Amino acid sequence: MFLKSIGIEEFKKVIYPEYKKIFPESEQKPYRLIKKSFKANMTEIIEIIEDDTFIGFLIINTIENTTYTILDYFAILPQYQDKGYGSKAITLLKEQRKNEGIIVEVEKCGLDKNQEENEIRKKRVKFYERLGFCKMGFDLDLYKTIYSIYLLPSEKNKIINENGVIQDMFNIYIAISGENRVRRNCKVMSEGGKND
């Protein structure tokens, strides 16, 4: 298996149709926003390749002078799931990004009215924890959805400064989406659910 960075045209042709199928509309970013952040060198689009076959993708966001990168989207295509490819892909990403911590936002467990969705969220959390991600002591309200934040520390910086994590996340959000939009739609919450 290997990870292959691709351009925006290949993203539009190969990944974007899968992205539209896999992620609910409420979680999707408009293509124009992804293209804009890609052209500004803030977004990297990565194909996951196994035996010359496209089996999944990662979309990561980072900006200069930050300690962390955000794993914005990650998916193994349905026909290749439950074969260990997801773990291998994150391990390869970790090796490539060993000097940066990797942040992932996971919809908070237990908040959905649908029990099946809550089980999917629990499974997602266990997946990331198994790979070494640790839960931060805060949640985020992003566009009216509550997310728990998990971090995979970098090899060079294993001491976690939660304020630094929050600062880097918001710097990346603002760079990609604009300050007014982020200030209106992104709030740090204590784990108990109160806005900080």
N, C-alpha and C. Protein backbone atom coordinates (compact mmCIF):
# COMPACT_ATOMS: atom_id res chain seq x y z
N MET A 1 0.84 -1.18 0.00
CA MET A 1 0.00 0.00 0.00
C MET A 1 0.88 1.24 0.00
N PHE A 2 0.40 2.30 -0.68
CA PHE A 2 1.09 3.58 -0.61
C PHE A 2 0.09 4.72 -0.72
N LEU A 3 0.54 5.89 -0.28
CA LEU A 3 -0.27 7.10 -0.33
C LEU A 3 0.27 7.97 -1.45
N LYS A 4 -0.62 8.49 -2.29
CA LYS A 4 -0.22 9.28 -3.45
C LYS A 4 -0.95 10.63 -3.44
N SER A 5 -0.17 11.72 -3.29
CA SER A 5 -0.75 13.05 -3.38
C SER A 5 -1.16 13.31 -4.82
N ILE A 6 -2.34 13.91 -4.99
CA ILE A 6 -2.84 14.15 -6.35
C ILE A 6 -3.25 15.62 -6.51
N GLY A 7 -3.48 16.00 -7.74
CA GLY A 7 -3.91 17.35 -8.07
C GLY A 7 -5.42 17.51 -8.00
N ILE A 8 -5.85 18.74 -8.14
CA ILE A 8 -7.28 19.05 -7.99
C ILE A 8 -8.12 18.46 -9.12
N GLU A 9 -7.57 18.37 -10.33
CA GLU A 9 -8.34 17.79 -11.45
C GLU A 9 -8.58 16.30 -11.23
N GLU A 10 -7.54 15.60 -10.77
CA GLU A 10 -7.72 14.17 -10.48
C GLU A 10 -8.69 13.99 -9.31
N PHE A 11 -8.61 14.88 -8.32
CA PHE A 11 -9.57 14.84 -7.21
C PHE A 11 -11.00 14.93 -7.75
N LYS A 12 -11.23 15.89 -8.63
CA LYS A 12 -12.58 16.10 -9.17
C LYS A 12 -13.06 14.88 -9.94
N LYS A 13 -12.15 14.24 -10.69
CA LYS A 13 -12.52 13.09 -11.52
C LYS A 13 -12.67 11.80 -10.71
N VAL A 14 -11.70 11.53 -9.84
CA VAL A 14 -11.63 10.22 -9.19
C VAL A 14 -12.25 10.22 -7.79
N ILE A 15 -11.87 11.18 -6.96
CA ILE A 15 -12.27 11.14 -5.55
C ILE A 15 -13.60 11.83 -5.29
N TYR A 16 -13.83 12.97 -5.89
CA TYR A 16 -15.02 13.76 -5.55
C TYR A 16 -16.33 12.98 -5.73
N PRO A 17 -16.49 12.18 -6.79
CA PRO A 17 -17.73 11.38 -6.88
C PRO A 17 -17.89 10.41 -5.70
N GLU A 18 -16.79 9.80 -5.25
CA GLU A 18 -16.85 8.88 -4.10
C GLU A 18 -17.14 9.66 -2.81
N TYR A 19 -16.48 10.80 -2.67
CA TYR A 19 -16.69 11.68 -1.52
C TYR A 19 -18.16 12.04 -1.38
N LYS A 20 -18.82 12.39 -2.50
CA LYS A 20 -20.23 12.77 -2.49
C LYS A 20 -21.12 11.59 -2.07
N LYS A 21 -20.71 10.37 -2.42
CA LYS A 21 -21.49 9.17 -2.05
C LYS A 21 -21.29 8.80 -0.58
N ILE A 22 -20.06 8.93 -0.10
CA ILE A 22 -19.70 8.41 1.23
C ILE A 22 -20.13 9.34 2.36
N PHE A 23 -19.89 10.65 2.21
CA PHE A 23 -20.15 11.57 3.30
C PHE A 23 -21.53 12.21 3.16
N PRO A 24 -22.28 12.29 4.28
CA PRO A 24 -23.59 12.94 4.23
C PRO A 24 -23.45 14.38 3.74
N GLU A 25 -24.46 14.87 3.08
CA GLU A 25 -24.41 16.22 2.52
C GLU A 25 -24.06 17.27 3.57
N SER A 26 -24.55 17.08 4.80
CA SER A 26 -24.29 18.04 5.87
C SER A 26 -22.81 18.11 6.25
N GLU A 27 -22.03 17.07 5.93
CA GLU A 27 -20.61 17.04 6.26
C GLU A 27 -19.72 17.43 5.08
N GLN A 28 -20.29 17.59 3.92
CA GLN A 28 -19.49 17.87 2.72
C GLN A 28 -19.16 19.36 2.61
N LYS A 29 -17.94 19.62 2.14
CA LYS A 29 -17.55 20.98 1.79
C LYS A 29 -17.83 21.16 0.30
N PRO A 30 -18.20 22.36 -0.10
CA PRO A 30 -18.37 22.59 -1.54
C PRO A 30 -17.04 22.39 -2.27
N TYR A 31 -17.14 21.89 -3.48
CA TYR A 31 -15.94 21.65 -4.29
C TYR A 31 -15.10 22.92 -4.41
N ARG A 32 -15.75 24.07 -4.60
CA ARG A 32 -15.02 25.33 -4.78
C ARG A 32 -14.16 25.66 -3.55
N LEU A 33 -14.63 25.31 -2.34
CA LEU A 33 -13.86 25.57 -1.12
C LEU A 33 -12.64 24.65 -1.04
N ILE A 34 -12.83 23.39 -1.40
CA ILE A 34 -11.70 22.45 -1.41
C ILE A 34 -10.68 22.90 -2.45
N LYS A 35 -11.16 23.29 -3.63
CA LYS A 35 -10.26 23.74 -4.69
C LYS A 35 -9.49 24.99 -4.25
N LYS A 36 -10.18 25.92 -3.61
CA LYS A 36 -9.53 27.16 -3.16
C LYS A 36 -8.43 26.87 -2.14
N SER A 37 -8.72 26.03 -1.15
CA SER A 37 -7.71 25.72 -0.13
C SER A 37 -6.59 24.86 -0.70
N PHE A 38 -6.91 24.02 -1.68
CA PHE A 38 -5.87 23.24 -2.36
C PHE A 38 -4.91 24.17 -3.10
N LYS A 39 -5.47 25.11 -3.86
CA LYS A 39 -4.63 26.04 -4.64
C LYS A 39 -3.80 26.95 -3.74
N ALA A 40 -4.27 27.18 -2.51
CA ALA A 40 -3.52 28.00 -1.55
C ALA A 40 -2.53 27.16 -0.72
N ASN A 41 -2.34 25.89 -1.12
CA ASN A 41 -1.41 24.97 -0.43
C ASN A 41 -1.77 24.72 1.03
N MET A 42 -3.05 24.74 1.35
CA MET A 42 -3.50 24.43 2.71
C MET A 42 -4.15 23.05 2.79
N THR A 43 -4.52 22.50 1.64
CA THR A 43 -5.18 21.20 1.59
C THR A 43 -4.37 20.25 0.71
N GLU A 44 -4.17 19.05 1.22
CA GLU A 44 -3.51 18.00 0.45
C GLU A 44 -4.52 16.87 0.25
N ILE A 45 -4.62 16.40 -0.97
CA ILE A 45 -5.55 15.33 -1.31
C ILE A 45 -4.71 14.10 -1.63
N ILE A 46 -5.04 13.00 -0.98
CA ILE A 46 -4.20 11.80 -1.06
C ILE A 46 -5.04 10.58 -1.42
N GLU A 47 -4.62 9.90 -2.47
CA GLU A 47 -5.25 8.61 -2.80
C GLU A 47 -4.56 7.51 -2.00
N ILE A 48 -5.34 6.54 -1.58
CA ILE A 48 -4.80 5.34 -0.94
C ILE A 48 -4.82 4.26 -2.01
N ILE A 49 -3.64 3.72 -2.30
CA ILE A 49 -3.48 2.76 -3.40
C ILE A 49 -3.00 1.42 -2.84
N GLU A 50 -3.67 0.37 -3.25
CA GLU A 50 -3.27 -1.00 -2.90
C GLU A 50 -3.23 -1.81 -4.18
N ASP A 51 -2.07 -2.38 -4.49
CA ASP A 51 -1.91 -3.17 -5.73
C ASP A 51 -2.43 -2.41 -6.96
N ASP A 52 -2.00 -1.17 -7.09
CA ASP A 52 -2.37 -0.29 -8.22
C ASP A 52 -3.87 0.01 -8.31
N THR A 53 -4.60 -0.23 -7.23
CA THR A 53 -6.04 0.04 -7.21
C THR A 53 -6.35 1.13 -6.21
N PHE A 54 -7.16 2.10 -6.61
CA PHE A 54 -7.62 3.17 -5.73
C PHE A 54 -8.62 2.58 -4.75
N ILE A 55 -8.30 2.61 -3.45
CA ILE A 55 -9.19 2.00 -2.46
C ILE A 55 -9.73 3.00 -1.43
N GLY A 56 -9.21 4.23 -1.45
CA GLY A 56 -9.69 5.21 -0.47
C GLY A 56 -8.94 6.52 -0.61
N PHE A 57 -9.24 7.43 0.31
CA PHE A 57 -8.60 8.74 0.22
C PHE A 57 -8.53 9.43 1.58
N LEU A 58 -7.61 10.38 1.64
CA LEU A 58 -7.44 11.25 2.80
C LEU A 58 -7.42 12.68 2.29
N ILE A 59 -8.03 13.59 3.03
CA ILE A 59 -7.91 15.01 2.74
C ILE A 59 -7.44 15.65 4.03
N ILE A 60 -6.26 16.28 3.97
CA ILE A 60 -5.69 16.87 5.17
C ILE A 60 -5.50 18.37 4.97
N ASN A 61 -5.63 19.10 6.07
CA ASN A 61 -5.47 20.55 6.04
C ASN A 61 -4.36 20.96 6.99
N THR A 62 -3.49 21.83 6.51
CA THR A 62 -2.42 22.35 7.34
C THR A 62 -2.01 23.72 6.80
N ILE A 63 -1.44 24.52 7.66
CA ILE A 63 -0.89 25.80 7.23
C ILE A 63 0.50 25.95 7.82
N GLU A 64 1.25 26.90 7.30
CA GLU A 64 2.61 27.14 7.81
C GLU A 64 2.56 27.57 9.27
N ASN A 65 3.63 27.25 9.96
CA ASN A 65 3.82 27.66 11.37
C ASN A 65 2.80 27.07 12.33
N THR A 66 2.31 25.87 12.02
CA THR A 66 1.47 25.15 12.97
C THR A 66 2.14 23.84 13.32
N THR A 67 1.83 23.35 14.50
CA THR A 67 2.40 22.09 15.00
C THR A 67 1.55 20.91 14.55
N TYR A 68 0.29 21.18 14.19
CA TYR A 68 -0.66 20.11 13.92
C TYR A 68 -1.24 20.21 12.52
N THR A 69 -1.71 19.08 12.04
CA THR A 69 -2.44 19.01 10.78
C THR A 69 -3.79 18.36 11.08
N ILE A 70 -4.82 18.75 10.34
CA ILE A 70 -6.16 18.20 10.56
C ILE A 70 -6.48 17.18 9.47
N LEU A 71 -6.82 15.98 9.90
CA LEU A 71 -7.33 14.96 8.99
C LEU A 71 -8.80 15.28 8.78
N ASP A 72 -9.09 15.97 7.69
CA ASP A 72 -10.43 16.50 7.44
C ASP A 72 -11.39 15.41 6.97
N TYR A 73 -10.96 14.61 6.01
CA TYR A 73 -11.78 13.50 5.50
C TYR A 73 -10.88 12.28 5.32
N PHE A 74 -11.45 11.13 5.64
CA PHE A 74 -10.73 9.87 5.49
C PHE A 74 -11.77 8.80 5.20
N ALA A 75 -11.57 8.07 4.12
CA ALA A 75 -12.52 7.01 3.78
C ALA A 75 -11.83 5.90 3.01
N ILE A 76 -12.18 4.70 3.37
CA ILE A 76 -11.86 3.52 2.56
C ILE A 76 -13.16 3.21 1.81
N LEU A 77 -13.06 2.99 0.50
CA LEU A 77 -14.26 2.70 -0.28
C LEU A 77 -14.97 1.47 0.31
N PRO A 78 -16.31 1.46 0.28
CA PRO A 78 -17.07 0.40 0.96
C PRO A 78 -16.63 -1.02 0.62
N GLN A 79 -16.29 -1.29 -0.63
CA GLN A 79 -15.93 -2.65 -1.02
C GLN A 79 -14.58 -3.11 -0.46
N TYR A 80 -13.80 -2.17 0.10
CA TYR A 80 -12.49 -2.52 0.66
C TYR A 80 -12.44 -2.38 2.18
N GLN A 81 -13.56 -2.09 2.80
CA GLN A 81 -13.58 -1.90 4.24
C GLN A 81 -13.45 -3.22 4.98
N ASP A 82 -13.06 -3.12 6.26
CA ASP A 82 -12.91 -4.27 7.17
C ASP A 82 -11.84 -5.25 6.71
N LYS A 83 -10.81 -4.72 6.05
CA LYS A 83 -9.69 -5.57 5.61
C LYS A 83 -8.36 -5.05 6.16
N GLY A 84 -8.41 -4.08 7.09
CA GLY A 84 -7.20 -3.54 7.69
C GLY A 84 -6.56 -2.40 6.90
N TYR A 85 -7.17 -1.99 5.80
CA TYR A 85 -6.58 -0.93 4.98
C TYR A 85 -6.59 0.42 5.69
N GLY A 86 -7.62 0.69 6.46
CA GLY A 86 -7.69 1.96 7.17
C GLY A 86 -6.55 2.13 8.15
N SER A 87 -6.27 1.08 8.92
CA SER A 87 -5.16 1.13 9.88
C SER A 87 -3.83 1.33 9.16
N LYS A 88 -3.65 0.63 8.05
CA LYS A 88 -2.40 0.77 7.28
C LYS A 88 -2.26 2.19 6.74
N ALA A 89 -3.35 2.76 6.25
CA ALA A 89 -3.31 4.11 5.67
C ALA A 89 -2.94 5.14 6.73
N ILE A 90 -3.53 5.04 7.92
CA ILE A 90 -3.22 6.00 8.99
C ILE A 90 -1.78 5.81 9.46
N THR A 91 -1.32 4.57 9.52
CA THR A 91 0.08 4.32 9.90
C THR A 91 1.04 4.95 8.89
N LEU A 92 0.74 4.83 7.60
CA LEU A 92 1.58 5.47 6.57
C LEU A 92 1.53 6.99 6.69
N LEU A 93 0.34 7.54 6.95
CA LEU A 93 0.21 8.99 7.12
C LEU A 93 1.04 9.45 8.32
N LYS A 94 0.97 8.69 9.41
CA LYS A 94 1.74 9.01 10.62
C LYS A 94 3.24 9.03 10.31
N GLU A 95 3.71 8.07 9.52
CA GLU A 95 5.13 8.04 9.16
C GLU A 95 5.50 9.25 8.31
N GLN A 96 4.62 9.63 7.40
CA GLN A 96 4.90 10.78 6.53
C GLN A 96 4.83 12.10 7.30
N ARG A 97 4.02 12.16 8.32
CA ARG A 97 3.79 13.39 9.09
C ARG A 97 4.38 13.28 10.49
N LYS A 98 5.52 12.62 10.62
CA LYS A 98 6.04 12.34 11.96
C LYS A 98 6.43 13.58 12.74
N ASN A 99 6.63 14.71 12.08
CA ASN A 99 6.96 15.95 12.78
C ASN A 99 5.75 16.80 13.12
N GLU A 100 4.56 16.34 12.76
CA GLU A 100 3.33 17.06 13.05
C GLU A 100 2.36 16.15 13.78
N GLY A 101 1.64 16.69 14.73
CA GLY A 101 0.56 15.94 15.34
C GLY A 101 -0.61 15.92 14.36
N ILE A 102 -1.41 14.86 14.41
CA ILE A 102 -2.56 14.73 13.52
C ILE A 102 -3.84 14.82 14.36
N ILE A 103 -4.70 15.75 13.99
CA ILE A 103 -5.97 15.96 14.68
C ILE A 103 -7.10 15.36 13.85
N VAL A 104 -8.02 14.70 14.54
CA VAL A 104 -9.22 14.20 13.86
C VAL A 104 -10.44 14.59 14.70
N GLU A 105 -11.49 15.01 14.00
CA GLU A 105 -12.76 15.36 14.65
C GLU A 105 -13.70 14.17 14.46
N VAL A 106 -14.24 13.66 15.57
CA VAL A 106 -15.17 12.53 15.51
C VAL A 106 -16.48 12.97 16.14
N GLU A 107 -17.59 12.78 15.41
CA GLU A 107 -18.88 13.15 15.98
C GLU A 107 -19.04 12.48 17.35
N LYS A 108 -19.42 13.27 18.32
CA LYS A 108 -19.48 12.81 19.72
C LYS A 108 -20.41 11.62 19.87
N CYS A 109 -19.93 10.62 20.57
CA CYS A 109 -20.69 9.38 20.79
C CYS A 109 -21.90 9.66 21.68
N GLY A 110 -22.98 8.96 21.38
CA GLY A 110 -24.17 8.98 22.22
C GLY A 110 -25.14 10.12 21.97
N LEU A 111 -24.81 11.04 21.06
CA LEU A 111 -25.68 12.21 20.85
C LEU A 111 -26.70 12.02 19.73
N ASP A 112 -26.51 11.02 18.90
CA ASP A 112 -27.44 10.84 17.78
C ASP A 112 -28.69 10.11 18.25
N LYS A 113 -29.82 10.43 17.66
CA LYS A 113 -31.08 9.76 18.00
C LYS A 113 -31.10 8.33 17.47
N ASN A 114 -30.28 8.06 16.46
CA ASN A 114 -30.22 6.75 15.83
C ASN A 114 -29.14 5.90 16.52
N GLN A 115 -29.56 4.79 17.13
CA GLN A 115 -28.63 3.94 17.87
C GLN A 115 -27.54 3.35 16.96
N GLU A 116 -27.91 3.03 15.73
CA GLU A 116 -26.93 2.49 14.79
C GLU A 116 -25.82 3.50 14.52
N GLU A 117 -26.19 4.77 14.37
CA GLU A 117 -25.19 5.82 14.16
C GLU A 117 -24.28 5.96 15.38
N ASN A 118 -24.85 5.85 16.58
CA ASN A 118 -24.03 5.91 17.80
C ASN A 118 -23.02 4.78 17.84
N GLU A 119 -23.42 3.59 17.39
CA GLU A 119 -22.50 2.45 17.35
C GLU A 119 -21.37 2.69 16.34
N ILE A 120 -21.71 3.30 15.20
CA ILE A 120 -20.69 3.62 14.19
C ILE A 120 -19.67 4.59 14.78
N ARG A 121 -20.16 5.58 15.53
CA ARG A 121 -19.25 6.56 16.16
C ARG A 121 -18.34 5.88 17.17
N LYS A 122 -18.90 4.96 17.98
CA LYS A 122 -18.07 4.23 18.96
C LYS A 122 -16.99 3.43 18.25
N LYS A 123 -17.36 2.78 17.16
CA LYS A 123 -16.40 1.99 16.39
C LYS A 123 -15.29 2.89 15.83
N ARG A 124 -15.67 4.08 15.36
CA ARG A 124 -14.71 5.04 14.82
C ARG A 124 -13.72 5.48 15.92
N VAL A 125 -14.25 5.76 17.12
CA VAL A 125 -13.39 6.16 18.24
C VAL A 125 -12.41 5.05 18.58
N LYS A 126 -12.89 3.82 18.67
CA LYS A 126 -12.00 2.69 18.99
C LYS A 126 -10.91 2.53 17.94
N PHE A 127 -11.26 2.75 16.68
CA PHE A 127 -10.29 2.67 15.59
C PHE A 127 -9.16 3.67 15.81
N TYR A 128 -9.49 4.92 16.07
CA TYR A 128 -8.46 5.94 16.27
C TYR A 128 -7.66 5.71 17.55
N GLU A 129 -8.33 5.30 18.62
CA GLU A 129 -7.61 5.03 19.87
C GLU A 129 -6.63 3.88 19.71
N ARG A 130 -7.03 2.86 18.97
CA ARG A 130 -6.14 1.72 18.71
C ARG A 130 -4.87 2.16 17.98
N LEU A 131 -4.97 3.20 17.18
CA LEU A 131 -3.83 3.69 16.41
C LEU A 131 -3.01 4.73 17.17
N GLY A 132 -3.37 4.99 18.44
CA GLY A 132 -2.57 5.89 19.27
C GLY A 132 -3.12 7.29 19.45
N PHE A 133 -4.29 7.58 18.88
CA PHE A 133 -4.90 8.89 19.09
C PHE A 133 -5.44 8.97 20.52
N CYS A 134 -5.32 10.14 21.13
CA CYS A 134 -5.87 10.33 22.47
C CYS A 134 -6.91 11.44 22.44
N LYS A 135 -7.92 11.29 23.29
CA LYS A 135 -9.03 12.25 23.33
C LYS A 135 -8.58 13.50 24.06
N MET A 136 -8.92 14.64 23.47
CA MET A 136 -8.65 15.92 24.11
C MET A 136 -9.72 16.19 25.17
N GLY A 137 -9.45 17.10 26.08
CA GLY A 137 -10.37 17.41 27.17
C GLY A 137 -11.41 18.46 26.81
N PHE A 138 -11.67 18.62 25.52
CA PHE A 138 -12.68 19.57 25.08
C PHE A 138 -13.38 19.00 23.86
N ASP A 139 -14.55 19.53 23.58
CA ASP A 139 -15.29 19.19 22.37
C ASP A 139 -15.41 20.45 21.53
N LEU A 140 -15.83 20.29 20.29
CA LEU A 140 -16.08 21.44 19.42
C LEU A 140 -17.49 21.37 18.88
N ASP A 141 -18.15 22.50 18.87
CA ASP A 141 -19.42 22.65 18.17
C ASP A 141 -19.06 23.26 16.82
N LEU A 142 -19.10 22.43 15.79
CA LEU A 142 -18.78 22.87 14.44
C LEU A 142 -20.04 22.82 13.60
N TYR A 143 -20.53 23.96 13.22
CA TYR A 143 -21.71 24.05 12.36
C TYR A 143 -22.87 23.23 12.92
N LYS A 144 -23.08 23.37 14.25
CA LYS A 144 -24.20 22.76 14.97
C LYS A 144 -24.09 21.24 15.14
N THR A 145 -22.88 20.73 14.98
CA THR A 145 -22.62 19.31 15.27
C THR A 145 -21.50 19.27 16.31
N ILE A 146 -21.67 18.43 17.34
CA ILE A 146 -20.67 18.34 18.41
C ILE A 146 -19.66 17.24 18.06
N TYR A 147 -18.38 17.61 18.11
CA TYR A 147 -17.30 16.69 17.80
C TYR A 147 -16.39 16.52 19.01
N SER A 148 -15.95 15.30 19.24
CA SER A 148 -14.85 15.03 20.16
C SER A 148 -13.58 15.13 19.32
N ILE A 149 -12.52 15.63 19.93
CA ILE A 149 -11.27 15.85 19.22
C ILE A 149 -10.25 14.83 19.71
N TYR A 150 -9.62 14.17 18.75
CA TYR A 150 -8.58 13.18 19.05
C TYR A 150 -7.28 13.63 18.38
N LEU A 151 -6.17 13.37 19.07
CA LEU A 151 -4.87 13.81 18.59
C LEU A 151 -3.88 12.66 18.60
N LEU A 152 -3.14 12.54 17.52
CA LEU A 152 -2.00 11.64 17.45
C LEU A 152 -0.77 12.52 17.54
N PRO A 153 -0.08 12.52 18.70
CA PRO A 153 1.06 13.43 18.85
C PRO A 153 2.18 13.09 17.87
N SER A 154 2.98 14.10 17.56
CA SER A 154 4.12 13.87 16.67
C SER A 154 5.23 13.18 17.46
N GLU A 155 6.18 12.59 16.74
CA GLU A 155 7.30 11.93 17.39
C GLU A 155 8.17 12.93 18.15
N LYS A 156 8.29 14.15 17.62
CA LYS A 156 9.17 15.13 18.26
C LYS A 156 8.48 15.93 19.36
N ASN A 157 7.16 15.87 19.43
CA ASN A 157 6.43 16.67 20.41
C ASN A 157 5.33 15.84 21.05
N LYS A 158 5.72 15.00 22.00
CA LYS A 158 4.75 14.10 22.63
C LYS A 158 3.99 14.77 23.78
N ILE A 159 4.47 15.95 24.21
CA ILE A 159 3.76 16.68 25.26
C ILE A 159 2.65 17.49 24.59
N ILE A 160 1.43 17.27 25.04
CA ILE A 160 0.27 17.89 24.39
C ILE A 160 -0.14 19.15 25.15
N ASN A 161 -0.21 20.24 24.44
CA ASN A 161 -0.69 21.51 24.97
C ASN A 161 -2.05 21.75 24.33
N GLU A 162 -3.13 21.53 25.10
CA GLU A 162 -4.47 21.65 24.52
C GLU A 162 -4.75 23.04 23.97
N ASN A 163 -4.24 24.07 24.62
CA ASN A 163 -4.44 25.42 24.09
C ASN A 163 -3.75 25.58 22.74
N GLY A 164 -2.59 24.95 22.58
CA GLY A 164 -1.88 24.97 21.29
C GLY A 164 -2.66 24.22 20.22
N VAL A 165 -3.29 23.10 20.61
CA VAL A 165 -4.12 22.34 19.67
C VAL A 165 -5.28 23.20 19.20
N ILE A 166 -5.97 23.84 20.15
CA ILE A 166 -7.11 24.70 19.81
C ILE A 166 -6.66 25.84 18.90
N GLN A 167 -5.54 26.48 19.25
CA GLN A 167 -5.04 27.61 18.46
C GLN A 167 -4.74 27.18 17.02
N ASP A 168 -4.03 26.06 16.87
CA ASP A 168 -3.70 25.59 15.52
C ASP A 168 -4.97 25.22 14.74
N MET A 169 -5.92 24.55 15.41
CA MET A 169 -7.15 24.18 14.72
C MET A 169 -7.87 25.43 14.20
N PHE A 170 -8.02 26.41 15.06
CA PHE A 170 -8.73 27.61 14.65
C PHE A 170 -7.97 28.40 13.59
N ASN A 171 -6.65 28.41 13.67
CA ASN A 171 -5.86 29.07 12.63
C ASN A 171 -6.09 28.40 11.27
N ILE A 172 -6.15 27.07 11.26
CA ILE A 172 -6.40 26.33 10.02
C ILE A 172 -7.84 26.59 9.54
N TYR A 173 -8.81 26.48 10.45
CA TYR A 173 -10.21 26.75 10.07
C TYR A 173 -10.36 28.13 9.45
N ILE A 174 -9.77 29.14 10.10
CA ILE A 174 -9.89 30.53 9.63
C ILE A 174 -9.23 30.70 8.27
N ALA A 175 -8.04 30.10 8.10
CA ALA A 175 -7.34 30.21 6.82
C ALA A 175 -8.17 29.62 5.69
N ILE A 176 -8.87 28.54 5.96
CA ILE A 176 -9.64 27.85 4.92
C ILE A 176 -11.04 28.45 4.73
N SER A 177 -11.73 28.76 5.82
CA SER A 177 -13.14 29.14 5.73
C SER A 177 -13.42 30.62 5.98
N GLY A 178 -12.44 31.36 6.48
CA GLY A 178 -12.65 32.77 6.77
C GLY A 178 -13.02 33.01 8.23
N GLU A 179 -12.52 34.10 8.77
CA GLU A 179 -12.69 34.36 10.20
C GLU A 179 -14.15 34.53 10.61
N ASN A 180 -14.92 35.30 9.85
CA ASN A 180 -16.33 35.54 10.24
C ASN A 180 -17.12 34.24 10.28
N ARG A 181 -16.94 33.41 9.28
CA ARG A 181 -17.67 32.13 9.23
C ARG A 181 -17.28 31.23 10.40
N VAL A 182 -15.98 31.19 10.71
CA VAL A 182 -15.51 30.34 11.81
C VAL A 182 -16.02 30.88 13.15
N ARG A 183 -15.92 32.16 13.37
CA ARG A 183 -16.37 32.75 14.64
C ARG A 183 -17.87 32.51 14.87
N ARG A 184 -18.66 32.50 13.79
CA ARG A 184 -20.10 32.25 13.92
C ARG A 184 -20.43 30.77 14.15
N ASN A 185 -19.62 29.88 13.60
CA ASN A 185 -20.02 28.46 13.53
C ASN A 185 -19.12 27.47 14.26
N CYS A 186 -18.06 27.93 14.91
CA CYS A 186 -17.12 27.02 15.57
C CYS A 186 -16.88 27.49 17.00
N LYS A 187 -17.23 26.63 17.96
CA LYS A 187 -17.08 27.00 19.37
C LYS A 187 -16.43 25.85 20.14
N VAL A 188 -15.50 26.22 21.01
CA VAL A 188 -14.89 25.25 21.91
C VAL A 188 -15.85 25.02 23.06
N MET A 189 -16.01 23.75 23.44
CA MET A 189 -16.90 23.40 24.54
C MET A 189 -16.14 22.53 25.53
N SER A 190 -16.45 22.68 26.81
CA SER A 190 -15.91 21.74 27.77
C SER A 190 -16.58 20.40 27.51
N GLU A 191 -16.01 19.35 28.04
CA GLU A 191 -16.60 18.03 27.79
C GLU A 191 -18.02 17.92 28.32
N GLY A 192 -18.36 18.74 29.31
CA GLY A 192 -19.71 18.73 29.86
C GLY A 192 -20.73 19.39 28.96
N GLY A 193 -20.26 20.03 27.86
CA GLY A 193 -21.18 20.61 26.91
C GLY A 193 -21.33 22.11 27.01
N LYS A 194 -20.56 22.79 27.88
CA LYS A 194 -20.66 24.23 28.00
C LYS A 194 -19.68 24.90 27.07
N ASN A 195 -20.09 26.03 26.48
CA ASN A 195 -19.18 26.82 25.64
C ASN A 195 -18.12 27.46 26.53
N ASP A 196 -16.89 27.38 26.06
CA ASP A 196 -15.79 28.05 26.79
C ASP A 196 -15.51 29.40 26.18
